[in-house]
Amino acid sequence: MYSQTIFSNGLKLITVPVKDAKTATVLVLLPVGSRYELPHLNGTSHFIEHMMFKGTKKRLNSLAISKELDGIGAYYNAFTGKDHTGYWVKSAKEKISTSLDVLSDMLFNSVFDKKEFDHEKTVILEEIKMYEENPLFYINEFFENALFNKHALGQLISGHLSDVQRLSRQSLVKYKELFYQPNQMLIIVAGGIEKTQTIKLVKKYFAAYQGRAKKIKYTPLIRKKSKPDIKIRFKKLKQTQLALGGFAYPYNHPKLEATALLSTILGGNMSSRLFTQVRDKRGLAYSIKMGLGKYQDIGNYVIQAGVDKEKVLETIKVILDELNKVKKDIVTKEELVRAKDYIEGIMKILLEDSANLATWYGYQSLFVGKIVSPSQQLGKLKKVTQKQIQNAAQDIFCKQGLKLALIGPFKSKQPLLRVLQKGI
């Protein structure tokens, strides 16, 4: 059973004890990411994430930090999203004191050394090049850039090369001081822990820090009428990466469970409709999948595949045909049962891991505003009917906002656009 504690400095803690677990994960989440950045500061949140590992007043450089965490056999990392940033350490349950000590030091005492800043800027520039040169990695962000267009959600998490080039150490420090305050932080400790002792440790390492940040606001995305469209990045490749999708539901929407089942039935695994039609029956792609993206004000669905340039048109026709089928006819009872059992099984496998468990409770608190336990979520999922799945499909699979992103050797989008306009 989880519990929540709020300290006097505004810091929020969620503890999730797991009986007989031998590991524990400490995850710190902050509601800050690329959607909160002004265009001239795009890439700042991601850059700050990198700088947090580059030395503090106590641990003078990245080696000192890594030596201490490696010395307890921990896994550790950080990540930046469009609406949040996270730092985590997973260790033996007896070592969470060290995890909390190091994380608090990084978050509150990082020095942002000028030489380290200049050095890390070159590292990030190479990271951006790596992603942009690898279509498989880049296609999802490229798709969201097409879907959200000029809205802040369309900004790259890393920023473009030119964005990062112009960022200064001073702008990063100012941004960090503005948003990295205790009242914006959510700590989740999950695994083989004891609640009272964990609260004491968090109080020891985090409660002394003061300072309050203003509530971070974002500009909500207002959906405007738009026809199907295509965004192409010309690149001479033997395989074209495509992402086809549109708008869906945000966090807290009552149709989320139906959409999760819809996504599973269409493209969630190797027995899904799209995998069967695109790979097994036609051999058009090695892999095809459907996924859902969620934010507080909007969501999206996206279908991704890598195919030969000569077969892109056929692949898109097959995908659109499957979307139309699920709009027209309800899914079978067998498909529904299998999708529910699949999601339940995957959830149970993933949530055995303390890091995934911490992430579950963290995202529930940060984005949903109330915590729904895994068992409660499964209960909601099991109530979804065939008709509800069809209703969700009829709602989100439409021409309005339909986008196709392509990375490959294409210069003209007209033949593909005609197919989209006939589409769903």
Foldseek 3Di string as FASTA:
>chain_A
DKDWDAFPQQAIEIEAADPPFFKKKKKKKFFDFQLLDDQLQAQLVVLLQVLLQQAFPVQRGNVSLCCLLVVQVKDWGKDGDHTMIMTMIMGGQVCVLSVLQSVLRSLPTRDLDQVVSVVVLVVLLVVQVVQVVDCVNPVVLLQQLVLLPPRSSNADRNHHNVSSVPDDSVVSVVVSLQGSGNSRMYIYMYGNDDVVVVVVSNCVRPVVGHDDHDDRDGDARDADFDFEDEAEDADADQKKKKKWKFWAAAAPDLLPLLVLLLQCQQFVDCNHPLNCVCPVPPNFFPHKGKDKAHAQRIIMIMIITIGGPVCPLVSVLSSLVVLVVVLVDFDDPVSLVVSLVVVLVVVVVQCVDNVSVRVQQVCCCPRVVDHDDPVNVSVSNVPDDSVSSSVSSNVGPDRGSIYMYMYYNDDDCVVVSVCSNVGD
